[in-house]
Amino acid sequence: MESYKSDKNTIDFNIQVIYSKLSDPRVFKAHIDQNIDRLPQEAREHLEKVKFEDDGISVESPMGPLKLSVSDSIEPSMVKYTAMSSPVPFGLVINLEPIDENHTQAVAELNIELPFMLKAMVGSKLTEGAKKMGEMIAKLPYGEL
């Protein structure tokens, strides 16, 4: 299994607050439902393909439905999502580390099982994807969730 990590990103919130949000996908559903009208049309169209459920997140992809479920967690430092229905086994691990009482460092890590030929073709895109995932996690509005 190959691993692709984001850069370390600093989040201006307490580690426990971040962990509580990232480990419960229902938090995102409630926030999106309350704020959907404030989002740009393009974002609303993308969110139509995403469903936040009690145990995970489902996404409509060109390869068919993809479900990521919370498969493991260590409070407050790690949340692991694993693909339950995917043509390629993969997972997302979010590692959190406290900097101080109000700042947390986060790293997103994509773990994916790729055939050798695919690895050469998509490895750089997965590195970029992990980086963007880390940036997105750092930009979430934790105070509003």
Protein backbone atom coordinates (compact mmCIF):
# COMPACT_ATOMS: atom_id res chain seq x y z
CA MET A 1 0.00 0.00 0.00
CA GLU A 2 1.35 3.41 -0.99
CA SER A 3 1.15 6.44 1.30
CA TYR A 4 0.80 10.07 0.22
CA LYS A 5 0.96 12.76 2.92
CA SER A 6 -0.03 16.39 3.00
CA ASP A 7 2.16 19.11 4.40
CA LYS A 8 1.77 19.91 8.09
CA ASN A 9 -1.07 22.42 8.43
CA THR A 10 -1.75 24.56 11.48
CA ILE A 11 -5.35 24.94 12.63
CA ASP A 12 -6.28 27.69 15.08
CA PHE A 13 -8.44 25.45 17.30
CA ASN A 14 -8.00 23.09 20.19
CA ILE A 15 -7.20 19.48 19.18
CA GLN A 16 -10.28 18.11 21.00
CA VAL A 17 -12.62 20.43 19.07
CA ILE A 18 -11.08 19.39 15.75
CA TYR A 19 -11.17 15.69 16.61
CA SER A 20 -14.83 15.85 17.66
CA LYS A 21 -15.78 17.37 14.29
CA LEU A 22 -13.64 15.17 12.04
CA SER A 23 -14.68 11.94 13.75
CA ASP A 24 -18.43 12.58 13.30
CA PRO A 25 -19.56 13.05 9.66
CA ARG A 26 -23.07 14.06 10.82
CA VAL A 27 -21.61 17.39 11.96
CA PHE A 28 -20.90 18.31 8.33
CA LYS A 29 -24.39 17.34 7.16
CA ALA A 30 -26.03 19.62 9.73
CA HIS A 31 -23.72 22.52 8.84
CA ILE A 32 -24.26 22.12 5.10
CA ASP A 33 -28.03 21.83 5.51
CA GLN A 34 -28.06 25.08 7.50
CA ASN A 35 -25.82 26.98 5.08
CA ILE A 36 -26.54 25.52 1.64
CA ASP A 37 -28.15 28.75 0.43
CA ARG A 38 -24.97 30.71 1.14
CA LEU A 39 -22.80 28.49 -1.02
CA PRO A 40 -21.98 29.23 -4.65
CA GLN A 41 -23.99 27.26 -7.21
CA GLU A 42 -20.93 25.24 -8.22
CA ALA A 43 -20.36 24.12 -4.62
CA ARG A 44 -24.04 23.16 -4.28
CA GLU A 45 -23.78 21.04 -7.42
CA HIS A 46 -20.73 19.23 -6.04
CA LEU A 47 -22.46 18.65 -2.70
CA GLU A 48 -25.40 16.98 -4.46
CA LYS A 49 -22.99 14.10 -5.08
CA VAL A 50 -22.00 13.83 -1.40
CA LYS A 51 -24.03 12.27 1.41
CA PHE A 52 -22.97 12.55 5.04
CA GLU A 53 -24.15 9.58 7.07
CA ASP A 54 -23.86 8.43 10.68
CA ASP A 55 -20.81 6.30 10.01
CA GLY A 56 -19.24 7.91 6.97
CA ILE A 57 -19.39 9.86 3.74
CA SER A 58 -20.71 8.64 0.38
CA VAL A 59 -19.64 10.26 -2.88
CA GLU A 60 -20.88 9.69 -6.41
CA SER A 61 -17.81 9.31 -8.59
CA PRO A 62 -17.19 8.45 -12.24
CA MET A 63 -16.38 4.93 -11.01
CA GLY A 64 -19.70 4.64 -9.16
CA PRO A 65 -20.63 5.23 -5.52
CA LEU A 66 -17.74 5.51 -3.11
CA LYS A 67 -18.26 5.22 0.64
CA LEU A 68 -15.70 6.22 3.23
CA SER A 69 -16.49 5.03 6.76
CA VAL A 70 -14.82 5.91 10.03
CA SER A 71 -12.90 2.69 10.62
CA ASP A 72 -10.61 3.65 13.48
CA SER A 73 -9.83 6.56 15.75
CA ILE A 74 -7.60 7.43 18.65
CA GLU A 75 -9.01 10.33 20.61
CA PRO A 76 -7.92 13.07 20.08
CA SER A 77 -5.02 12.41 17.71
CA MET A 78 -6.22 10.28 14.76
CA VAL A 79 -9.27 9.60 12.61
CA LYS A 80 -9.16 6.96 9.90
CA TYR A 81 -11.66 6.66 7.06
CA THR A 82 -11.61 3.51 4.94
CA ALA A 83 -13.22 3.01 1.53
CA MET A 84 -15.97 0.43 1.94
CA SER A 85 -16.97 0.32 -1.71
CA SER A 86 -14.18 1.20 -4.09
CA PRO A 87 -12.52 -0.46 -7.08
CA VAL A 88 -9.17 0.28 -5.42
CA PRO A 89 -8.60 -0.23 -1.66
CA PHE A 90 -7.74 3.06 0.01
CA GLY A 91 -8.10 5.07 3.17
CA LEU A 92 -7.65 8.53 4.58
CA VAL A 93 -5.90 9.03 7.91
CA ILE A 94 -6.06 12.43 9.60
CA ASN A 95 -3.31 12.84 12.19
CA LEU A 96 -3.64 15.62 14.75
CA GLU A 97 -1.01 16.91 17.13
CA PRO A 98 -1.42 19.72 19.66
CA ILE A 99 0.87 22.71 19.29
CA ASP A 100 -0.59 24.48 22.31
CA GLU A 101 -4.06 24.87 23.89
CA ASN A 102 -5.54 26.68 20.87
CA HIS A 103 -3.49 25.42 17.92
CA THR A 104 -3.29 22.01 16.31
CA GLN A 105 -1.11 20.56 13.58
CA ALA A 106 -2.87 18.30 11.06
CA VAL A 107 -1.55 15.96 8.39
CA ALA A 108 -3.78 14.12 5.91
CA GLU A 109 -2.48 10.81 4.62
CA LEU A 110 -3.93 8.89 1.67
CA ASN A 111 -3.17 5.18 1.74
CA ILE A 112 -3.96 3.40 -1.50
CA GLU A 113 -3.24 0.03 -3.05
CA LEU A 114 -2.21 0.61 -6.66
CA PRO A 115 -0.92 -1.69 -9.35
CA PHE A 116 2.65 -0.80 -10.31
CA MET A 117 1.68 0.67 -13.71
CA LEU A 118 -0.99 2.93 -12.20
CA LYS A 119 1.39 4.15 -9.50
CA ALA A 120 3.68 5.68 -12.10
CA MET A 121 0.76 7.35 -13.87
CA VAL A 122 -1.16 8.77 -10.89
CA GLY A 123 1.40 9.06 -8.08
CA SER A 124 1.97 12.80 -8.55
CA LYS A 125 -1.79 13.44 -8.67
CA LEU A 126 -2.25 11.54 -5.41
CA THR A 127 0.52 13.56 -3.79
CA GLU A 128 -1.27 16.73 -4.88
CA GLY A 129 -4.61 15.30 -3.69
CA ALA A 130 -3.20 14.59 -0.23
CA LYS A 131 -1.79 18.12 -0.06
CA LYS A 132 -5.16 19.65 -1.02
CA MET A 133 -6.98 17.42 1.48
CA GLY A 134 -4.67 18.67 4.23
CA GLU A 135 -5.29 22.28 3.22
CA MET A 136 -9.05 21.71 3.14
CA ILE A 137 -9.02 20.15 6.62
CA ALA A 138 -7.10 23.18 7.90
CA LYS A 139 -9.64 25.60 6.39
CA LEU A 140 -12.82 24.00 7.76
CA PRO A 141 -14.91 26.38 9.90
CA TYR A 142 -14.53 24.42 13.15
CA GLY A 143 -16.05 27.25 15.20
CA GLU A 144 -19.26 27.06 13.17
CA LEU A 145 -19.64 23.28 12.98
